[in-house]
């Protein structure tokens, strides 16, 4: 059967690391307050010359190097971001030009679920025969749309990028590749997590607004439900999963979701303490880290999951 197989992963972070202690010098907060509520200890903040496209390009190049492919091999780029370089053209085309690739390139806007959405889109296009080799990227500079006077939101986010190379291959049923992806959204909850602006409303990008308690409640329920949905349709059980790579929003959400599914935290890749919430970048960042440190190995059954503003949420099951 034809599947989209992950051949390489890559990630990139800005040069500047900001600890909770450093943040507390300019924001009314403390390391203890942030760690207790979120598990976050540091994040990376983009500086001058660092943009969503530069981080995305770096992560994509590292994924291509890991896969051993050249720019001319790539015929599709799908980039997930809520913080594009420009309103248009798509940041994916900026990355395409920087890498020297050809083919189709476009952005996907699903906030923190963006990478899962992009993976699902790329996988569908590859299964249809549209593309043979794709770059799927999640990249964000969330620091540019934060209200740095609002301690309830600005402490939560960071900047970064992650990428994977997908190649279309004919594999056996128990072979590698993306096995199943499920995506959902519910626009009725826009007011719980959104920005207070946009090109057609305020003429600005706006700033992040969030009602944390309500988001937490929806996240635990929705993520547990979509994980169960994927397991049921794929005919696997939670015990079969080698690793879960979740969206890194909040350590408490990760723990609550794992508990609801009966999954030990030892099977969950956690990077939120190091990177904070990097929105669409968080899943591929965590995946790359776990692949490169040897935790995730060829043949492992891996579940990716995320929920973002709007709300959007989804999960993807793959074999490495």
C-alpha atoms as a PDB file:
ATOM      1  CA  UNK A   1       0.000   0.000   0.000  1.00  0.00           C
ATOM      2  CA  UNK A   2       1.087   3.594  -0.644  1.00  0.00           C
ATOM      3  CA  UNK A   3       1.925   5.518   2.522  1.00  0.00           C
ATOM      4  CA  UNK A   4       3.574   8.805   3.445  1.00  0.00           C
ATOM      5  CA  UNK A   5       6.715   7.799   5.318  1.00  0.00           C
ATOM      6  CA  UNK A   6       8.694  10.134   7.584  1.00  0.00           C
ATOM      7  CA  UNK A   7      12.257  10.083   6.270  1.00  0.00           C
ATOM      8  CA  UNK A   8      13.747  12.903   8.339  1.00  0.00           C
ATOM      9  CA  UNK A   9      12.972  15.416  11.075  1.00  0.00           C
ATOM     10  CA  UNK A  10      14.399  18.808  11.960  1.00  0.00           C
ATOM     11  CA  UNK A  11      13.837  21.745  14.288  1.00  0.00           C
ATOM     12  CA  UNK A  12      15.067  25.267  14.988  1.00  0.00           C
ATOM     13  CA  UNK A  13      14.917  27.668  17.915  1.00  0.00           C
ATOM     14  CA  UNK A  14      15.757  31.366  18.205  1.00  0.00           C
ATOM     15  CA  UNK A  15      19.119  32.298  19.711  1.00  0.00           C
ATOM     16  CA  UNK A  16      17.674  33.883  22.839  1.00  0.00           C
ATOM     17  CA  UNK A  17      16.510  31.666  25.707  1.00  0.00           C
ATOM     18  CA  UNK A  18      14.346  33.395  28.328  1.00  0.00           C
ATOM     19  CA  UNK A  19      13.951  31.762  31.735  1.00  0.00           C
ATOM     20  CA  UNK A  20      11.086  32.391  34.124  1.00  0.00           C
ATOM     21  CA  UNK A  21      13.457  34.319  36.368  1.00  0.00           C
ATOM     22  CA  UNK A  22      14.397  36.671  33.535  1.00  0.00           C
ATOM     23  CA  UNK A  23      10.755  37.114  32.557  1.00  0.00           C
ATOM     24  CA  UNK A  24       9.846  37.972  36.160  1.00  0.00           C
ATOM     25  CA  UNK A  25      12.054  41.063  35.920  1.00  0.00           C
ATOM     26  CA  UNK A  26       9.648  42.703  33.474  1.00  0.00           C
ATOM     27  CA  UNK A  27       6.357  40.850  34.089  1.00  0.00           C
ATOM     28  CA  UNK A  28       4.401  40.579  37.358  1.00  0.00           C
ATOM     29  CA  UNK A  29       5.057  36.873  37.838  1.00  0.00           C
ATOM     30  CA  UNK A  30       7.492  34.394  39.382  1.00  0.00           C
ATOM     31  CA  UNK A  31       9.184  31.130  38.514  1.00  0.00           C
ATOM     32  CA  UNK A  32       7.139  29.354  41.180  1.00  0.00           C
ATOM     33  CA  UNK A  33       3.828  30.739  39.854  1.00  0.00           C
ATOM     34  CA  UNK A  34       4.576  29.706  36.254  1.00  0.00           C
ATOM     35  CA  UNK A  35       5.963  26.242  37.045  1.00  0.00           C
ATOM     36  CA  UNK A  36       3.112  25.344  39.410  1.00  0.00           C
ATOM     37  CA  UNK A  37       0.416  26.197  36.850  1.00  0.00           C
ATOM     38  CA  UNK A  38       2.073  25.216  33.578  1.00  0.00           C
ATOM     39  CA  UNK A  39       5.308  23.272  34.071  1.00  0.00           C
ATOM     40  CA  UNK A  40       7.126  25.853  31.914  1.00  0.00           C
ATOM     41  CA  UNK A  41      10.644  26.869  32.975  1.00  0.00           C
ATOM     42  CA  UNK A  42      11.944  28.626  29.855  1.00  0.00           C
ATOM     43  CA  UNK A  43      11.096  29.604  26.301  1.00  0.00           C
ATOM     44  CA  UNK A  44      12.920  30.962  23.225  1.00  0.00           C
ATOM     45  CA  UNK A  45      12.094  34.425  21.878  1.00  0.00           C
ATOM     46  CA  UNK A  46      12.829  35.525  18.311  1.00  0.00           C
ATOM     47  CA  UNK A  47      15.138  38.499  17.941  1.00  0.00           C
ATOM     48  CA  UNK A  48      15.983  40.879  15.122  1.00  0.00           C
ATOM     49  CA  UNK A  49      16.263  39.038  11.825  1.00  0.00           C
ATOM     50  CA  UNK A  50      14.548  35.925  13.189  1.00  0.00           C
ATOM     51  CA  UNK A  51      11.129  35.356  11.638  1.00  0.00           C
ATOM     52  CA  UNK A  52       8.695  32.518  11.122  1.00  0.00           C
ATOM     53  CA  UNK A  53      10.194  31.886   7.673  1.00  0.00           C
ATOM     54  CA  UNK A  54      13.836  31.883   8.824  1.00  0.00           C
ATOM     55  CA  UNK A  55      13.072  29.413  11.610  1.00  0.00           C
ATOM     56  CA  UNK A  56      10.961  27.285   9.256  1.00  0.00           C
ATOM     57  CA  UNK A  57      13.726  27.262   6.633  1.00  0.00           C
ATOM     58  CA  UNK A  58      16.321  26.157   9.177  1.00  0.00           C
ATOM     59  CA  UNK A  59      14.107  23.357  10.523  1.00  0.00           C
ATOM     60  CA  UNK A  60      13.218  22.211   7.000  1.00  0.00           C
ATOM     61  CA  UNK A  61      16.859  22.152   5.896  1.00  0.00           C
ATOM     62  CA  UNK A  62      17.774  20.012   8.898  1.00  0.00           C
ATOM     63  CA  UNK A  63      14.926  17.606   8.095  1.00  0.00           C
ATOM     64  CA  UNK A  64      16.099  17.424   4.474  1.00  0.00           C
ATOM     65  CA  UNK A  65      19.667  16.760   5.595  1.00  0.00           C
ATOM     66  CA  UNK A  66      18.439  13.973   7.888  1.00  0.00           C
ATOM     67  CA  UNK A  67      16.434  12.454   5.025  1.00  0.00           C
ATOM     68  CA  UNK A  68      19.283  12.831   2.557  1.00  0.00           C
ATOM     69  CA  UNK A  69      17.186  14.622  -0.065  1.00  0.00           C
ATOM     70  CA  UNK A  70      17.932  17.579  -2.336  1.00  0.00           C
ATOM     71  CA  UNK A  71      15.711  20.662  -2.910  1.00  0.00           C
ATOM     72  CA  UNK A  72      14.681  19.396  -6.342  1.00  0.00           C
ATOM     73  CA  UNK A  73      13.245  16.253  -4.721  1.00  0.00           C
ATOM     74  CA  UNK A  74      10.599  18.265  -2.819  1.00  0.00           C
ATOM     75  CA  UNK A  75       7.361  18.840  -4.759  1.00  0.00           C
ATOM     76  CA  UNK A  76       5.099  19.991  -1.906  1.00  0.00           C
ATOM     77  CA  UNK A  77       5.519  22.288   1.107  1.00  0.00           C
ATOM     78  CA  UNK A  78       2.742  22.637   3.667  1.00  0.00           C
ATOM     79  CA  UNK A  79       3.529  25.104   6.446  1.00  0.00           C
ATOM     80  CA  UNK A  80       1.398  25.482   9.567  1.00  0.00           C
ATOM     81  CA  UNK A  81       1.516  28.884  11.226  1.00  0.00           C
ATOM     82  CA  UNK A  82      -0.620  31.473  12.993  1.00  0.00           C
ATOM     83  CA  UNK A  83       2.176  34.051  12.688  1.00  0.00           C
ATOM     84  CA  UNK A  84       3.074  34.373   8.988  1.00  0.00           C
ATOM     85  CA  UNK A  85       5.783  36.761   7.820  1.00  0.00           C
ATOM     86  CA  UNK A  86       3.221  38.617   5.689  1.00  0.00           C
ATOM     87  CA  UNK A  87      -0.542  38.578   5.198  1.00  0.00           C
ATOM     88  CA  UNK A  88       0.361  37.321   1.729  1.00  0.00           C
ATOM     89  CA  UNK A  89       2.054  35.587   0.041  1.00  0.00           C
ATOM     90  CA  UNK A  90       2.100  32.396   2.072  1.00  0.00           C
ATOM     91  CA  UNK A  91       5.164  31.977   4.266  1.00  0.00           C
ATOM     92  CA  UNK A  92       5.550  28.515   2.694  1.00  0.00           C
ATOM     93  CA  UNK A  93       6.507  30.205  -0.580  1.00  0.00           C
ATOM     94  CA  UNK A  94       9.201  32.239   1.204  1.00  0.00           C
ATOM     95  CA  UNK A  95      10.613  28.998   2.595  1.00  0.00           C
ATOM     96  CA  UNK A  96      10.336  27.374  -0.829  1.00  0.00           C
ATOM     97  CA  UNK A  97      12.413  30.146  -2.392  1.00  0.00           C
ATOM     98  CA  UNK A  98      15.003  30.047   0.400  1.00  0.00           C
ATOM     99  CA  UNK A  99      15.467  26.294  -0.004  1.00  0.00           C
ATOM    100  CA  UNK A 100      15.399  26.284  -3.808  1.00  0.00           C
ATOM    101  CA  UNK A 101      12.447  23.869  -4.015  1.00  0.00           C
ATOM    102  CA  UNK A 102       9.687  23.711  -6.639  1.00  0.00           C
ATOM    103  CA  UNK A 103       6.108  22.468  -6.798  1.00  0.00           C
ATOM    104  CA  UNK A 104       3.203  23.597  -4.615  1.00  0.00           C
ATOM    105  CA  UNK A 105       3.641  25.543  -1.376  1.00  0.00           C
ATOM    106  CA  UNK A 106       0.947  26.932   0.917  1.00  0.00           C
ATOM    107  CA  UNK A 107       0.131  27.739   4.543  1.00  0.00           C
ATOM    108  CA  UNK A 108      -2.409  26.103   6.855  1.00  0.00           C
ATOM    109  CA  UNK A 109      -4.009  28.116   9.658  1.00  0.00           C
ATOM    110  CA  UNK A 110      -5.198  25.902  12.517  1.00  0.00           C
ATOM    111  CA  UNK A 111      -3.135  27.476  15.320  1.00  0.00           C
ATOM    112  CA  UNK A 112      -1.769  24.848  17.739  1.00  0.00           C
ATOM    113  CA  UNK A 113      -3.328  22.000  15.723  1.00  0.00           C
ATOM    114  CA  UNK A 114      -1.735  23.321  12.563  1.00  0.00           C
ATOM    115  CA  UNK A 115       0.964  20.684  12.212  1.00  0.00           C
ATOM    116  CA  UNK A 116      -1.548  17.825  12.601  1.00  0.00           C
ATOM    117  CA  UNK A 117      -3.791  19.491  10.020  1.00  0.00           C
ATOM    118  CA  UNK A 118      -0.840  20.024   7.669  1.00  0.00           C
ATOM    119  CA  UNK A 119       0.295  16.427   8.069  1.00  0.00           C
ATOM    120  CA  UNK A 120      -3.213  15.238   7.223  1.00  0.00           C
ATOM    121  CA  UNK A 121      -3.400  17.492   4.150  1.00  0.00           C
ATOM    122  CA  UNK A 122       0.034  16.462   2.862  1.00  0.00           C
ATOM    123  CA  UNK A 123      -0.669  12.771   3.484  1.00  0.00           C
ATOM    124  CA  UNK A 124      -3.958  12.978   1.560  1.00  0.00           C
ATOM    125  CA  UNK A 125      -2.274  14.746  -1.371  1.00  0.00           C
ATOM    126  CA  UNK A 126       0.490  12.162  -1.458  1.00  0.00           C
ATOM    127  CA  UNK A 127      -1.915   9.238  -1.295  1.00  0.00           C
ATOM    128  CA  UNK A 128      -3.761  10.739  -4.277  1.00  0.00           C
ATOM    129  CA  UNK A 129      -0.534  10.874  -6.272  1.00  0.00           C
ATOM    130  CA  UNK A 130      -0.294  14.679  -6.339  1.00  0.00           C
ATOM    131  CA  UNK A 131       3.132  14.671  -4.682  1.00  0.00           C
ATOM    132  CA  UNK A 132       5.942  12.220  -4.021  1.00  0.00           C
ATOM    133  CA  UNK A 133       8.008  14.152  -1.471  1.00  0.00           C
ATOM    134  CA  UNK A 134       6.711  16.769   0.946  1.00  0.00           C
ATOM    135  CA  UNK A 135       8.013  19.100   3.611  1.00  0.00           C
ATOM    136  CA  UNK A 136       5.523  19.514   6.439  1.00  0.00           C
ATOM    137  CA  UNK A 137       6.488  22.361   8.742  1.00  0.00           C
ATOM    138  CA  UNK A 138       5.141  23.978  11.898  1.00  0.00           C
ATOM    139  CA  UNK A 139       6.692  27.381  12.608  1.00  0.00           C
ATOM    140  CA  UNK A 140       5.743  30.268  14.884  1.00  0.00           C
ATOM    141  CA  UNK A 141       6.899  33.581  16.310  1.00  0.00           C
ATOM    142  CA  UNK A 142       4.145  33.802  18.910  1.00  0.00           C
ATOM    143  CA  UNK A 143       6.096  36.421  20.858  1.00  0.00           C
ATOM    144  CA  UNK A 144       5.106  38.964  18.182  1.00  0.00           C
ATOM    145  CA  UNK A 145       1.380  38.682  18.984  1.00  0.00           C
ATOM    146  CA  UNK A 146       1.560  38.578  22.789  1.00  0.00           C
ATOM    147  CA  UNK A 147       0.470  41.287  25.200  1.00  0.00           C
ATOM    148  CA  UNK A 148       3.551  41.443  27.416  1.00  0.00           C
ATOM    149  CA  UNK A 149       1.529  43.176  30.160  1.00  0.00           C
ATOM    150  CA  UNK A 150      -0.824  40.186  30.468  1.00  0.00           C
ATOM    151  CA  UNK A 151       0.907  37.650  32.694  1.00  0.00           C
ATOM    152  CA  UNK A 152      -1.821  35.061  32.134  1.00  0.00           C
ATOM    153  CA  UNK A 153      -0.846  34.670  28.466  1.00  0.00           C
ATOM    154  CA  UNK A 154       2.648  36.040  27.811  1.00  0.00           C
ATOM    155  CA  UNK A 155       4.344  33.509  30.108  1.00  0.00           C
ATOM    156  CA  UNK A 156       2.851  30.589  28.185  1.00  0.00           C
ATOM    157  CA  UNK A 157       4.285  30.982  24.693  1.00  0.00           C
ATOM    158  CA  UNK A 158       7.572  30.732  22.842  1.00  0.00           C
ATOM    159  CA  UNK A 159       8.949  30.723  19.308  1.00  0.00           C
ATOM    160  CA  UNK A 160      10.370  27.915  17.187  1.00  0.00           C
ATOM    161  CA  UNK A 161       9.922  25.591  14.228  1.00  0.00           C
ATOM    162  CA  UNK A 162       9.862  21.885  13.450  1.00  0.00           C
ATOM    163  CA  UNK A 163       9.651  19.958  10.194  1.00  0.00           C
ATOM    164  CA  UNK A 164       9.401  16.483   8.712  1.00  0.00           C
ATOM    165  CA  UNK A 165      10.157  15.099   5.248  1.00  0.00           C
ATOM    166  CA  UNK A 166       7.473  12.767   3.916  1.00  0.00           C
ATOM    167  CA  UNK A 167       8.098  10.431   0.999  1.00  0.00           C
ATOM    168  CA  UNK A 168       5.503   8.351  -0.793  1.00  0.00           C
ATOM    169  CA  UNK A 169       6.441   4.657  -0.604  1.00  0.00           C
ATOM    170  CA  UNK A 170       4.844   1.306  -1.325  1.00  0.00           C
ATOM    171  CA  UNK A 171       5.052  -0.502   2.022  1.00  0.00           C
ATOM    172  CA  UNK A 172       3.556  -3.649   3.597  1.00  0.00           C
ATOM    173  CA  UNK A 173       0.568  -3.313   5.912  1.00  0.00           C
ATOM    174  CA  UNK A 174       2.805  -3.436   8.991  1.00  0.00           C
ATOM    175  CA  UNK A 175       5.340  -1.055   7.420  1.00  0.00           C
ATOM    176  CA  UNK A 176       6.128   2.579   8.234  1.00  0.00           C
ATOM    177  CA  UNK A 177       4.139   5.700   7.411  1.00  0.00           C
ATOM    178  CA  UNK A 178       1.155   7.784   8.430  1.00  0.00           C
ATOM    179  CA  UNK A 179      -1.556   5.278   9.341  1.00  0.00           C
ATOM    180  CA  UNK A 180      -4.537   7.475  10.245  1.00  0.00           C
ATOM    181  CA  UNK A 181      -5.338  11.125  10.930  1.00  0.00           C
ATOM    182  CA  UNK A 182      -8.511  12.560  12.453  1.00  0.00           C
ATOM    183  CA  UNK A 183      -9.281  16.297  12.448  1.00  0.00           C
ATOM    184  CA  UNK A 184     -12.033  18.301  14.140  1.00  0.00           C
ATOM    185  CA  UNK A 185     -13.075  21.885  14.764  1.00  0.00           C
ATOM    186  CA  UNK A 186     -15.815  23.806  16.560  1.00  0.00           C
ATOM    187  CA  UNK A 187     -15.992  27.500  15.747  1.00  0.00           C
ATOM    188  CA  UNK A 188     -18.521  28.194  18.502  1.00  0.00           C
ATOM    189  CA  UNK A 189     -15.594  28.462  20.946  1.00  0.00           C
ATOM    190  CA  UNK A 190     -13.773  31.260  19.117  1.00  0.00           C
ATOM    191  CA  UNK A 191     -14.041  33.555  22.134  1.00  0.00           C
ATOM    192  CA  UNK A 192     -12.125  31.232  24.432  1.00  0.00           C
ATOM    193  CA  UNK A 193      -8.826  31.416  22.536  1.00  0.00           C
ATOM    194  CA  UNK A 194      -8.280  33.955  19.772  1.00  0.00           C
ATOM    195  CA  UNK A 195      -6.536  37.170  18.743  1.00  0.00           C
ATOM    196  CA  UNK A 196      -8.372  40.474  19.043  1.00  0.00           C
ATOM    197  CA  UNK A 197      -7.570  41.593  15.519  1.00  0.00           C
ATOM    198  CA  UNK A 198      -7.071  40.739  11.872  1.00  0.00           C
ATOM    199  CA  UNK A 199      -6.585  42.354   8.439  1.00  0.00           C
ATOM    200  CA  UNK A 200     -10.323  42.645   7.654  1.00  0.00           C
ATOM    201  CA  UNK A 201     -11.458  43.733  11.132  1.00  0.00           C
ATOM    202  CA  UNK A 202      -8.856  45.923  12.813  1.00  0.00           C
ATOM    203  CA  UNK A 203      -6.142  46.098  10.181  1.00  0.00           C
ATOM    204  CA  UNK A 204      -3.690  44.666  12.729  1.00  0.00           C
ATOM    205  CA  UNK A 205      -2.632  41.152  13.720  1.00  0.00           C
ATOM    206  CA  UNK A 206      -4.116  41.570  17.211  1.00  0.00           C
ATOM    207  CA  UNK A 207      -2.937  40.027  20.462  1.00  0.00           C
ATOM    208  CA  UNK A 208      -3.603  36.616  22.000  1.00  0.00           C
ATOM    209  CA  UNK A 209      -6.653  36.443  24.280  1.00  0.00           C
ATOM    210  CA  UNK A 210      -7.393  33.312  26.303  1.00  0.00           C
ATOM    211  CA  UNK A 211      -9.765  32.073  28.992  1.00  0.00           C
ATOM    212  CA  UNK A 212      -7.443  29.495  30.487  1.00  0.00           C
ATOM    213  CA  UNK A 213      -9.769  27.414  32.667  1.00  0.00           C
ATOM    214  CA  UNK A 214     -12.306  26.850  29.894  1.00  0.00           C
ATOM    215  CA  UNK A 215      -9.554  25.993  27.398  1.00  0.00           C
ATOM    216  CA  UNK A 216      -8.073  23.465  29.832  1.00  0.00           C
ATOM    217  CA  UNK A 217     -11.431  21.738  30.285  1.00  0.00           C
ATOM    218  CA  UNK A 218     -12.120  21.488  26.548  1.00  0.00           C
ATOM    219  CA  UNK A 219      -8.556  20.372  25.801  1.00  0.00           C
ATOM    220  CA  UNK A 220      -8.615  17.368  28.116  1.00  0.00           C
ATOM    221  CA  UNK A 221     -11.995  16.160  26.845  1.00  0.00           C
ATOM    222  CA  UNK A 222     -11.372  16.789  23.133  1.00  0.00           C
ATOM    223  CA  UNK A 223      -7.872  15.316  23.074  1.00  0.00           C
ATOM    224  CA  UNK A 224      -8.901  12.176  24.945  1.00  0.00           C
ATOM    225  CA  UNK A 225     -11.862  11.741  22.582  1.00  0.00           C
ATOM    226  CA  UNK A 226      -9.843  12.101  19.365  1.00  0.00           C
ATOM    227  CA  UNK A 227      -7.135   9.759  20.645  1.00  0.00           C
ATOM    228  CA  UNK A 228      -9.774   7.140  21.410  1.00  0.00           C
ATOM    229  CA  UNK A 229     -11.280   7.729  17.954  1.00  0.00           C
ATOM    230  CA  UNK A 230      -7.953   7.066  16.236  1.00  0.00           C
ATOM    231  CA  UNK A 231      -7.256   3.998  18.363  1.00  0.00           C
ATOM    232  CA  UNK A 232     -10.697   2.530  17.684  1.00  0.00           C
ATOM    233  CA  UNK A 233     -10.560   3.029  13.917  1.00  0.00           C
ATOM    234  CA  UNK A 234      -6.956   1.819  13.631  1.00  0.00           C
ATOM    235  CA  UNK A 235      -7.736  -1.189  15.857  1.00  0.00           C
ATOM    236  CA  UNK A 236      -4.850  -0.487  18.216  1.00  0.00           C
ATOM    237  CA  UNK A 237      -5.035  -0.092  21.977  1.00  0.00           C
ATOM    238  CA  UNK A 238      -3.310   2.431  24.202  1.00  0.00           C
ATOM    239  CA  UNK A 239      -0.921  -0.337  25.271  1.00  0.00           C
ATOM    240  CA  UNK A 240       0.284  -0.674  21.655  1.00  0.00           C
ATOM    241  CA  UNK A 241       1.481   2.934  21.510  1.00  0.00           C
ATOM    242  CA  UNK A 242       5.218   3.345  22.035  1.00  0.00           C
ATOM    243  CA  UNK A 243       5.209   7.146  22.262  1.00  0.00           C
ATOM    244  CA  UNK A 244       2.743  10.011  22.409  1.00  0.00           C
ATOM    245  CA  UNK A 245       4.016  13.329  21.050  1.00  0.00           C
ATOM    246  CA  UNK A 246       1.455  15.914  22.167  1.00  0.00           C
ATOM    247  CA  UNK A 247       1.041  19.616  21.632  1.00  0.00           C
ATOM    248  CA  UNK A 248       3.085  21.235  24.381  1.00  0.00           C
ATOM    249  CA  UNK A 249       0.549  23.692  25.807  1.00  0.00           C
ATOM    250  CA  UNK A 250       0.660  22.973  29.496  1.00  0.00           C
ATOM    251  CA  UNK A 251       2.151  20.136  31.545  1.00  0.00           C
ATOM    252  CA  UNK A 252      -1.110  19.790  33.481  1.00  0.00           C
ATOM    253  CA  UNK A 253      -3.055  19.159  30.240  1.00  0.00           C
ATOM    254  CA  UNK A 254      -0.512  16.508  29.208  1.00  0.00           C
ATOM    255  CA  UNK A 255      -0.831  14.760  32.561  1.00  0.00           C
ATOM    256  CA  UNK A 256      -4.637  14.917  32.635  1.00  0.00           C
ATOM    257  CA  UNK A 257      -4.962  13.606  29.073  1.00  0.00           C
ATOM    258  CA  UNK A 258      -2.534  10.733  29.712  1.00  0.00           C
ATOM    259  CA  UNK A 259      -4.390   9.804  32.888  1.00  0.00           C
ATOM    260  CA  UNK A 260      -7.756   9.837  31.091  1.00  0.00           C
ATOM    261  CA  UNK A 261      -6.385   7.362  28.528  1.00  0.00           C
ATOM    262  CA  UNK A 262      -4.519   5.235  31.060  1.00  0.00           C
ATOM    263  CA  UNK A 263      -1.149   6.073  29.469  1.00  0.00           C
ATOM    264  CA  UNK A 264       1.973   6.307  31.659  1.00  0.00           C
ATOM    265  CA  UNK A 265       3.771   9.663  31.453  1.00  0.00           C
ATOM    266  CA  UNK A 266       6.928   7.681  30.642  1.00  0.00           C
ATOM    267  CA  UNK A 267       5.447   7.239  27.142  1.00  0.00           C
ATOM    268  CA  UNK A 268       4.773  10.962  26.659  1.00  0.00           C
ATOM    269  CA  UNK A 269       7.392  13.223  25.083  1.00  0.00           C
ATOM    270  CA  UNK A 270       7.483  16.435  27.137  1.00  0.00           C
ATOM    271  CA  UNK A 271       9.275  19.605  26.026  1.00  0.00           C
ATOM    272  CA  UNK A 272       6.910  22.276  27.382  1.00  0.00           C
ATOM    273  CA  UNK A 273       9.314  22.907  30.276  1.00  0.00           C
ATOM    274  CA  UNK A 274      12.061  23.904  27.800  1.00  0.00           C
ATOM    275  CA  UNK A 275      10.142  25.543  24.936  1.00  0.00           C
ATOM    276  CA  UNK A 276       6.777  26.621  26.411  1.00  0.00           C
ATOM    277  CA  UNK A 277       3.840  26.618  23.959  1.00  0.00           C
ATOM    278  CA  UNK A 278       5.186  27.103  20.431  1.00  0.00           C
ATOM    279  CA  UNK A 279       1.750  26.588  18.857  1.00  0.00           C
ATOM    280  CA  UNK A 280       2.009  24.756  15.502  1.00  0.00           C
ATOM    281  CA  UNK A 281       5.735  24.176  16.047  1.00  0.00           C
ATOM    282  CA  UNK A 282       5.398  22.254  19.296  1.00  0.00           C
ATOM    283  CA  UNK A 283       4.584  18.772  17.947  1.00  0.00           C
ATOM    284  CA  UNK A 284       7.341  18.639  15.279  1.00  0.00           C
ATOM    285  CA  UNK A 285       9.832  20.230  17.710  1.00  0.00           C
ATOM    286  CA  UNK A 286       9.124  17.515  20.285  1.00  0.00           C
ATOM    287  CA  UNK A 287       9.151  14.784  17.616  1.00  0.00           C
ATOM    288  CA  UNK A 288      12.562  15.891  16.327  1.00  0.00           C
ATOM    289  CA  UNK A 289      14.010  16.014  19.842  1.00  0.00           C
ATOM    290  CA  UNK A 290      12.814  12.483  20.646  1.00  0.00           C
ATOM    291  CA  UNK A 291      14.048  11.102  17.310  1.00  0.00           C
ATOM    292  CA  UNK A 292      17.487  12.667  17.679  1.00  0.00           C
ATOM    293  CA  UNK A 293      18.017  11.597  21.296  1.00  0.00           C
ATOM    294  CA  UNK A 294      17.119   8.016  20.374  1.00  0.00           C
ATOM    295  CA  UNK A 295      13.859   7.633  22.255  1.00  0.00           C
ATOM    296  CA  UNK A 296      11.777   7.238  19.108  1.00  0.00           C
ATOM    297  CA  UNK A 297      13.183   4.497  16.904  1.00  0.00           C
ATOM    298  CA  UNK A 298      12.310   2.978  13.508  1.00  0.00           C
ATOM    299  CA  UNK A 299       9.286   0.714  13.874  1.00  0.00           C
ATOM    300  CA  UNK A 300       7.835   2.591  16.862  1.00  0.00           C
ATOM    301  CA  UNK A 301       4.099   3.332  16.875  1.00  0.00           C
ATOM    302  CA  UNK A 302       3.743   7.052  17.585  1.00  0.00           C
ATOM    303  CA  UNK A 303       0.640   9.144  18.287  1.00  0.00           C
ATOM    304  CA  UNK A 304       0.674  12.882  17.578  1.00  0.00           C
ATOM    305  CA  UNK A 305      -2.086  15.086  19.022  1.00  0.00           C
ATOM    306  CA  UNK A 306      -2.945  18.752  19.439  1.00  0.00           C
ATOM    307  CA  UNK A 307      -5.708  21.257  20.167  1.00  0.00           C
ATOM    308  CA  UNK A 308      -5.702  24.927  19.209  1.00  0.00           C
ATOM    309  CA  UNK A 309      -7.748  28.098  19.132  1.00  0.00           C
ATOM    310  CA  UNK A 310     -11.028  28.173  17.341  1.00  0.00           C
ATOM    311  CA  UNK A 311     -11.264  25.333  18.517  1.00  0.00           C
ATOM    312  CA  UNK A 312      -9.384  22.920  16.272  1.00  0.00           C
ATOM    313  CA  UNK A 313      -8.034  19.549  17.342  1.00  0.00           C
ATOM    314  CA  UNK A 314      -6.754  16.330  15.879  1.00  0.00           C
ATOM    315  CA  UNK A 315      -4.502  13.290  16.168  1.00  0.00           C
ATOM    316  CA  UNK A 316      -2.346  11.294  13.804  1.00  0.00           C
ATOM    317  CA  UNK A 317      -1.048   7.770  14.233  1.00  0.00           C
ATOM    318  CA  UNK A 318       2.142   6.811  12.451  1.00  0.00           C
ATOM    319  CA  UNK A 319       4.771   4.127  12.397  1.00  0.00           C
ATOM    320  CA  UNK A 320       8.329   5.375  12.198  1.00  0.00           C
END
